[in-house]
Protein backbone atom coordinates (compact mmCIF):
# COMPACT_ATOMS: atom_id res chain seq x y z
CA MET A 1 -155.81 84.17 -30.37
CA ALA A 2 -155.08 84.95 -27.14
CA GLU A 3 -151.94 85.33 -26.20
CA LYS A 4 -149.79 83.03 -23.43
CA LYS A 5 -147.51 84.49 -21.30
CA THR A 6 -144.71 82.42 -19.99
CA ALA A 7 -143.04 83.17 -16.78
CA ALA A 8 -140.05 83.77 -17.14
CA LYS A 9 -137.95 80.69 -15.51
CA PRO A 10 -135.66 81.34 -12.44
CA ALA A 11 -132.26 80.85 -14.03
CA ALA A 12 -130.62 77.41 -12.51
CA LYS A 13 -128.65 77.45 -9.33
CA PRO A 14 -124.99 76.91 -9.74
CA ALA A 15 -124.20 73.40 -7.91
CA LYS A 16 -122.23 74.02 -4.60
CA LYS A 17 -119.53 72.31 -3.81
CA PRO A 18 -119.19 70.05 -0.96
CA VAL A 19 -117.43 71.92 1.75
CA ALA A 20 -115.46 69.41 4.29
CA LYS A 21 -116.02 69.96 6.99
CA THR A 22 -113.65 70.91 9.73
CA ALA A 23 -112.49 68.55 12.09
CA LYS A 24 -112.28 69.78 15.77
CA PRO A 25 -109.04 69.63 17.10
CA VAL A 26 -109.03 66.57 19.79
CA VAL A 27 -107.84 67.67 23.07
CA ALA A 28 -106.12 64.78 24.58
CA PRO A 29 -106.97 64.37 28.78
CA LYS A 30 -104.28 66.15 30.85
CA LYS A 31 -102.71 63.61 32.41
CA VAL A 32 -102.37 63.90 36.53
CA ALA A 33 -99.39 62.86 38.23
CA PRO A 34 -99.93 60.33 41.00
CA PRO A 35 -98.93 61.52 44.08
CA LYS A 36 -96.13 60.70 45.58
CA ALA A 37 -96.08 58.69 48.19
CA ALA A 38 -94.13 59.20 51.90
CA ALA A 39 -90.27 58.75 52.65
CA LYS A 40 -90.14 54.74 53.07
CA PRO A 41 -88.62 54.00 56.56
CA ALA A 42 -85.72 52.55 56.59
CA VAL A 43 -85.52 48.73 56.64
CA LYS A 44 -83.07 47.35 59.51
CA LYS A 45 -81.67 44.03 57.91
CA VAL A 46 -81.67 41.14 60.31
CA VAL A 47 -78.71 38.99 60.68
CA VAL A 48 -79.78 35.33 61.17
CA PRO A 49 -76.48 33.55 62.94
CA LYS A 50 -75.97 29.58 60.88
CA VAL A 51 -77.09 26.68 62.61
CA ALA A 52 -74.38 23.90 62.44
CA ALA A 53 -75.84 20.94 60.08
CA LYS A 54 -76.84 17.86 61.23
CA PRO A 55 -74.59 14.78 61.09
CA ALA A 56 -75.26 12.82 58.25
CA VAL A 57 -77.60 9.47 59.35
CA LYS A 58 -75.54 6.67 58.75
CA LYS A 59 -78.08 3.47 56.58
CA VAL A 60 -77.53 0.61 58.39
CA ALA A 61 -78.25 -2.63 56.30
CA LYS A 62 -81.29 -4.68 57.35
CA PRO A 63 -80.31 -8.24 58.39
CA GLN A 64 -80.84 -10.33 55.48
CA VAL A 65 -83.48 -13.31 56.56
CA ALA A 66 -82.79 -16.78 55.61
CA GLY A 67 -84.71 -17.67 52.24
CA LYS A 68 -84.71 -14.57 50.74
CA SER A 69 -82.76 -13.23 47.65
CA THR A 70 -81.65 -9.42 47.96
CA LEU A 71 -82.28 -9.86 43.82
CA PRO A 72 -85.01 -7.30 43.22
CA LYS A 73 -88.51 -9.11 41.71
CA THR A 74 -89.58 -9.45 38.20
CA LEU A 75 -92.32 -9.42 36.43
CA LYS A 76 -92.89 -11.59 32.97
CA VAL A 77 -95.80 -9.73 31.47
CA THR A 78 -97.24 -10.84 28.14
CA GLN A 79 -99.87 -8.94 25.31
CA THR A 80 -103.20 -11.45 25.49
CA GLY A 81 -105.50 -8.50 24.17
CA SER A 82 -105.47 -5.82 21.25
CA LYS A 83 -105.02 -2.38 21.39
CA SER A 84 -107.39 -2.07 19.18
CA GLY A 85 -111.19 -0.39 21.04
CA ALA A 86 -108.69 0.61 24.27
CA THR A 87 -108.95 3.92 25.83
CA VAL A 88 -105.84 6.10 24.95
CA ARG A 89 -105.04 5.98 28.83
CA GLN A 90 -105.14 2.01 27.98
CA ILE A 91 -102.76 2.29 24.88
CA LYS A 92 -100.29 4.80 26.52
CA SER A 93 -100.10 1.84 29.72
CA LEU A 94 -99.31 -0.48 27.18
CA VAL A 95 -96.61 1.46 25.37
CA GLY A 96 -95.16 2.58 29.19
CA LEU A 97 -95.00 -1.36 29.79
CA GLY A 98 -93.47 -1.76 26.45
CA LEU A 99 -95.88 -3.68 25.07
CA GLY A 100 -98.17 -2.96 21.37
CA LYS A 101 -98.80 -6.18 19.87
CA ILE A 102 -100.49 -9.39 21.01
CA GLY A 103 -97.59 -12.23 21.94
CA LYS A 104 -94.85 -9.57 22.42
CA MET A 105 -93.32 -10.13 25.74
CA LYS A 106 -91.21 -8.22 28.44
CA MET A 107 -89.57 -8.46 31.78
CA LEU A 108 -90.26 -5.35 34.15
CA GLU A 109 -88.90 -4.83 37.77
CA ASP A 110 -91.54 -5.26 40.39
CA THR A 111 -92.03 -1.82 41.27
CA SER A 112 -95.46 0.18 42.35
CA ALA A 113 -95.13 2.35 39.09
CA VAL A 114 -94.88 -0.78 37.10
CA ARG A 115 -97.80 -2.22 39.01
CA GLY A 116 -99.66 0.95 38.57
CA LEU A 117 -99.42 0.45 34.90
CA VAL A 118 -100.49 -3.47 35.04
CA ALA A 119 -103.76 -2.69 37.07
CA LYS A 120 -105.04 -0.34 34.19
CA VAL A 121 -104.79 -2.82 31.59
CA GLN A 122 -104.82 -6.36 33.27
CA HIS A 123 -107.43 -7.16 30.78
CA LEU A 124 -105.32 -7.26 28.49
CA ILE A 125 -102.12 -8.42 29.60
CA LYS A 126 -101.03 -11.48 31.42
CA VAL A 127 -98.46 -11.70 34.61
CA GLU A 128 -96.17 -13.78 35.89
CA THR A 129 -93.94 -13.60 38.60
CA THR A 130 -90.48 -14.23 39.12
CA LYS A 131 -86.95 -13.98 40.66
């Protein structure tokens, strides 16, 4: 029989422990001071003399025209249409007029603001002018 030669196996190397990498220290960049501004020249204060107040203008009452009342006109506003299907802007206009349900009626002063709200929802209300 032939003899088998077995090669000697090299001994197993011991497992290496992982070595923690050492972090390089972080060096913050050096802060450079901003250049100093040159000294500001002194500012001279100017004294402004006070002007005498204008005398108050007295309001002169307009002469009353015969047949015209000095009482403000009023509008009788009645809601005739539903706010269902109306835009948010129209619903807010109805609330501003004090309306919200069909058949509700309000007496309002005839001003430009009220006239503007009435114009936005004229299809939902009925307006009558009174004295």
